[in-house]
């Protein structure tokens, strides 16, 4: 879950309460569950609602080769600073090499090229692409 928490309510009849949480960073289906409990945590009522996150920022790697790939970044906030990082790991999960760049989004969708030193040892390698927002997550 992205966030959870408790609020204390006293002497309220037909009250309205607001609760906020961390915005999901991955597109998908999410559930919001709320319940009202007594002082001994016995449940009096509950409410469940659902929402679909469709505009989260995404990073997609394509055209992956032994020494680079194309990064397609979507859903960016224009004029906001971001950092992309591409890491290459060997089959033992050891970091082989990486590439990264800090950039200011000029539009909601941009493309970059990442490059790294091609491995000299035959084997299976993993390419992991990450996009960090201004909060570094």
C-alpha atoms as a PDB file:
ATOM      1  CA  UNK A   1       0.000   0.000   0.000  1.00  0.00           C
ATOM      2  CA  UNK A   2       1.069   3.539  -0.628  1.00  0.00           C
ATOM      3  CA  UNK A   3       0.029   4.930   2.735  1.00  0.00           C
ATOM      4  CA  UNK A   4      -2.194   4.260   5.706  1.00  0.00           C
ATOM      5  CA  UNK A   5      -3.106   6.044   8.877  1.00  0.00           C
ATOM      6  CA  UNK A   6      -5.569   6.746  11.636  1.00  0.00           C
ATOM      7  CA  UNK A   7      -7.635   9.770  12.631  1.00  0.00           C
ATOM      8  CA  UNK A   8      -9.325  10.285  15.998  1.00  0.00           C
ATOM      9  CA  UNK A   9     -12.938  11.458  15.936  1.00  0.00           C
ATOM     10  CA  UNK A  10     -14.773  12.761  19.009  1.00  0.00           C
ATOM     11  CA  UNK A  11     -18.356  13.970  19.457  1.00  0.00           C
ATOM     12  CA  UNK A  12     -19.178  14.161  15.767  1.00  0.00           C
ATOM     13  CA  UNK A  13     -22.523  13.364  14.163  1.00  0.00           C
ATOM     14  CA  UNK A  14     -22.699  13.045  10.382  1.00  0.00           C
ATOM     15  CA  UNK A  15     -19.195  14.434  10.016  1.00  0.00           C
ATOM     16  CA  UNK A  16     -17.055  14.605   6.922  1.00  0.00           C
ATOM     17  CA  UNK A  17     -13.375  13.738   7.049  1.00  0.00           C
ATOM     18  CA  UNK A  18     -10.625  14.120   4.504  1.00  0.00           C
ATOM     19  CA  UNK A  19      -7.665  11.796   4.171  1.00  0.00           C
ATOM     20  CA  UNK A  20      -4.762  12.090   1.762  1.00  0.00           C
ATOM     21  CA  UNK A  21      -2.151   9.599   0.645  1.00  0.00           C
ATOM     22  CA  UNK A  22       0.926   9.417  -1.527  1.00  0.00           C
ATOM     23  CA  UNK A  23      -0.021   9.475  -5.201  1.00  0.00           C
ATOM     24  CA  UNK A  24       0.781   6.136  -6.841  1.00  0.00           C
ATOM     25  CA  UNK A  25       3.712   6.297  -9.235  1.00  0.00           C
ATOM     26  CA  UNK A  26       2.680   3.276 -11.310  1.00  0.00           C
ATOM     27  CA  UNK A  27      -0.386   3.054 -13.533  1.00  0.00           C
ATOM     28  CA  UNK A  28      -2.857   0.442 -12.357  1.00  0.00           C
ATOM     29  CA  UNK A  29      -5.932  -0.332 -10.264  1.00  0.00           C
ATOM     30  CA  UNK A  30      -6.003   0.864  -6.651  1.00  0.00           C
ATOM     31  CA  UNK A  31      -8.345   0.390  -3.698  1.00  0.00           C
ATOM     32  CA  UNK A  32      -9.207   2.906  -0.988  1.00  0.00           C
ATOM     33  CA  UNK A  33     -10.611   1.266   2.159  1.00  0.00           C
ATOM     34  CA  UNK A  34     -11.924   3.237   5.126  1.00  0.00           C
ATOM     35  CA  UNK A  35     -13.492   1.969   8.326  1.00  0.00           C
ATOM     36  CA  UNK A  36     -14.869   3.483  11.513  1.00  0.00           C
ATOM     37  CA  UNK A  37     -13.999   1.692  14.727  1.00  0.00           C
ATOM     38  CA  UNK A  38     -14.684   2.226  18.397  1.00  0.00           C
ATOM     39  CA  UNK A  39     -12.105   2.767  21.115  1.00  0.00           C
ATOM     40  CA  UNK A  40     -11.637  -1.019  21.349  1.00  0.00           C
ATOM     41  CA  UNK A  41     -11.243  -1.214  17.546  1.00  0.00           C
ATOM     42  CA  UNK A  42     -14.642  -2.836  17.018  1.00  0.00           C
ATOM     43  CA  UNK A  43     -15.822  -1.982  13.508  1.00  0.00           C
ATOM     44  CA  UNK A  44     -18.968   0.152  13.177  1.00  0.00           C
ATOM     45  CA  UNK A  45     -18.897   0.786   9.436  1.00  0.00           C
ATOM     46  CA  UNK A  46     -16.599   0.603   6.409  1.00  0.00           C
ATOM     47  CA  UNK A  47     -16.396   1.920   2.885  1.00  0.00           C
ATOM     48  CA  UNK A  48     -14.408   0.758  -0.118  1.00  0.00           C
ATOM     49  CA  UNK A  49     -13.877   2.574  -3.387  1.00  0.00           C
ATOM     50  CA  UNK A  50     -11.608   1.974  -6.366  1.00  0.00           C
ATOM     51  CA  UNK A  51      -9.736   4.145  -8.818  1.00  0.00           C
ATOM     52  CA  UNK A  52      -7.525   3.617 -11.840  1.00  0.00           C
ATOM     53  CA  UNK A  53      -4.259   5.520 -12.140  1.00  0.00           C
ATOM     54  CA  UNK A  54      -3.657   6.259 -15.822  1.00  0.00           C
ATOM     55  CA  UNK A  55      -1.380   9.296 -15.944  1.00  0.00           C
ATOM     56  CA  UNK A  56       1.627   8.174 -13.919  1.00  0.00           C
ATOM     57  CA  UNK A  57       5.048   8.961 -15.298  1.00  0.00           C
ATOM     58  CA  UNK A  58       6.558   5.965 -17.089  1.00  0.00           C
ATOM     59  CA  UNK A  59       9.939   4.943 -18.473  1.00  0.00           C
ATOM     60  CA  UNK A  60      10.203   2.364 -21.250  1.00  0.00           C
ATOM     61  CA  UNK A  61      13.459   0.849 -22.553  1.00  0.00           C
ATOM     62  CA  UNK A  62      13.598  -0.303 -26.169  1.00  0.00           C
ATOM     63  CA  UNK A  63      16.197  -1.141 -28.802  1.00  0.00           C
ATOM     64  CA  UNK A  64      18.346  -2.708 -26.062  1.00  0.00           C
ATOM     65  CA  UNK A  65      21.784  -3.824 -27.261  1.00  0.00           C
ATOM     66  CA  UNK A  66      25.000  -4.854 -25.552  1.00  0.00           C
ATOM     67  CA  UNK A  67      26.010  -1.196 -25.231  1.00  0.00           C
ATOM     68  CA  UNK A  68      22.880   0.945 -25.053  1.00  0.00           C
ATOM     69  CA  UNK A  69      19.140   1.450 -25.348  1.00  0.00           C
ATOM     70  CA  UNK A  70      16.463   4.006 -26.152  1.00  0.00           C
ATOM     71  CA  UNK A  71      14.474   5.476 -23.261  1.00  0.00           C
ATOM     72  CA  UNK A  72      10.948   6.761 -23.803  1.00  0.00           C
ATOM     73  CA  UNK A  73       9.649   8.848 -20.905  1.00  0.00           C
ATOM     74  CA  UNK A  74       5.946   9.713 -20.746  1.00  0.00           C
ATOM     75  CA  UNK A  75       3.654  11.611 -18.400  1.00  0.00           C
ATOM     76  CA  UNK A  76       6.315  14.116 -17.354  1.00  0.00           C
ATOM     77  CA  UNK A  77       5.507  17.506 -15.860  1.00  0.00           C
ATOM     78  CA  UNK A  78       6.963  20.169 -18.163  1.00  0.00           C
ATOM     79  CA  UNK A  79       9.741  22.329 -16.667  1.00  0.00           C
ATOM     80  CA  UNK A  80      10.308  19.816 -13.846  1.00  0.00           C
ATOM     81  CA  UNK A  81      13.724  18.270 -13.157  1.00  0.00           C
ATOM     82  CA  UNK A  82      14.076  14.494 -13.376  1.00  0.00           C
ATOM     83  CA  UNK A  83      16.937  11.997 -13.444  1.00  0.00           C
ATOM     84  CA  UNK A  84      16.958   8.799 -15.464  1.00  0.00           C
ATOM     85  CA  UNK A  85      19.300   5.962 -14.535  1.00  0.00           C
ATOM     86  CA  UNK A  86      19.992   2.807 -16.531  1.00  0.00           C
ATOM     87  CA  UNK A  87      21.945   0.064 -14.733  1.00  0.00           C
ATOM     88  CA  UNK A  88      23.361  -3.099 -16.283  1.00  0.00           C
ATOM     89  CA  UNK A  89      23.783  -6.159 -14.052  1.00  0.00           C
ATOM     90  CA  UNK A  90      25.481  -9.488 -14.781  1.00  0.00           C
ATOM     91  CA  UNK A  91      23.868 -12.841 -13.968  1.00  0.00           C
ATOM     92  CA  UNK A  92      25.276 -12.650 -10.412  1.00  0.00           C
ATOM     93  CA  UNK A  93      23.434  -9.345  -9.905  1.00  0.00           C
ATOM     94  CA  UNK A  94      26.729  -7.414  -9.888  1.00  0.00           C
ATOM     95  CA  UNK A  95      26.663  -3.932 -11.386  1.00  0.00           C
ATOM     96  CA  UNK A  96      28.511  -3.987 -14.716  1.00  0.00           C
ATOM     97  CA  UNK A  97      27.988  -0.354 -15.740  1.00  0.00           C
ATOM     98  CA  UNK A  98      25.395   2.414 -15.765  1.00  0.00           C
ATOM     99  CA  UNK A  99      24.404   5.646 -17.447  1.00  0.00           C
ATOM    100  CA  UNK A 100      22.348   8.525 -16.055  1.00  0.00           C
ATOM    101  CA  UNK A 101      21.317  12.087 -16.772  1.00  0.00           C
ATOM    102  CA  UNK A 102      19.599  14.937 -14.985  1.00  0.00           C
ATOM    103  CA  UNK A 103      17.195  16.769 -17.298  1.00  0.00           C
ATOM    104  CA  UNK A 104      14.403  19.303 -17.290  1.00  0.00           C
ATOM    105  CA  UNK A 105      11.313  18.035 -19.093  1.00  0.00           C
ATOM    106  CA  UNK A 106      10.700  20.127 -22.196  1.00  0.00           C
ATOM    107  CA  UNK A 107       7.433  18.292 -22.881  1.00  0.00           C
ATOM    108  CA  UNK A 108       5.309  15.545 -21.368  1.00  0.00           C
ATOM    109  CA  UNK A 109       6.931  12.885 -23.571  1.00  0.00           C
ATOM    110  CA  UNK A 110      10.646  12.751 -24.392  1.00  0.00           C
ATOM    111  CA  UNK A 111      13.187  10.240 -25.721  1.00  0.00           C
ATOM    112  CA  UNK A 112      16.810   9.780 -24.669  1.00  0.00           C
ATOM    113  CA  UNK A 113      19.624   7.384 -25.530  1.00  0.00           C
ATOM    114  CA  UNK A 114      21.516   5.589 -22.773  1.00  0.00           C
ATOM    115  CA  UNK A 115      24.877   3.927 -23.335  1.00  0.00           C
ATOM    116  CA  UNK A 116      27.301   1.786 -21.364  1.00  0.00           C
ATOM    117  CA  UNK A 117      30.447  -0.246 -21.884  1.00  0.00           C
ATOM    118  CA  UNK A 118      29.621  -3.499 -23.649  1.00  0.00           C
ATOM    119  CA  UNK A 119      30.403  -6.561 -21.509  1.00  0.00           C
ATOM    120  CA  UNK A 120      33.482  -8.534 -22.549  1.00  0.00           C
ATOM    121  CA  UNK A 121      32.309 -11.726 -20.812  1.00  0.00           C
ATOM    122  CA  UNK A 122      29.585 -13.797 -22.450  1.00  0.00           C
ATOM    123  CA  UNK A 123      26.478 -14.314 -20.332  1.00  0.00           C
ATOM    124  CA  UNK A 124      23.080 -13.001 -19.410  1.00  0.00           C
ATOM    125  CA  UNK A 125      22.751  -9.366 -18.402  1.00  0.00           C
ATOM    126  CA  UNK A 126      19.822  -7.346 -17.052  1.00  0.00           C
ATOM    127  CA  UNK A 127      19.095  -3.754 -17.975  1.00  0.00           C
ATOM    128  CA  UNK A 128      17.143  -1.815 -15.326  1.00  0.00           C
ATOM    129  CA  UNK A 129      15.776   1.636 -16.174  1.00  0.00           C
ATOM    130  CA  UNK A 130      14.607   4.041 -13.465  1.00  0.00           C
ATOM    131  CA  UNK A 131      13.139   7.519 -13.503  1.00  0.00           C
ATOM    132  CA  UNK A 132      13.577   9.655 -10.414  1.00  0.00           C
ATOM    133  CA  UNK A 133      11.323  12.628  -9.836  1.00  0.00           C
ATOM    134  CA  UNK A 134      12.280  15.729  -7.819  1.00  0.00           C
ATOM    135  CA  UNK A 135      11.505  13.819  -4.598  1.00  0.00           C
ATOM    136  CA  UNK A 136      14.045  11.150  -5.712  1.00  0.00           C
ATOM    137  CA  UNK A 137      11.622   8.202  -5.862  1.00  0.00           C
END
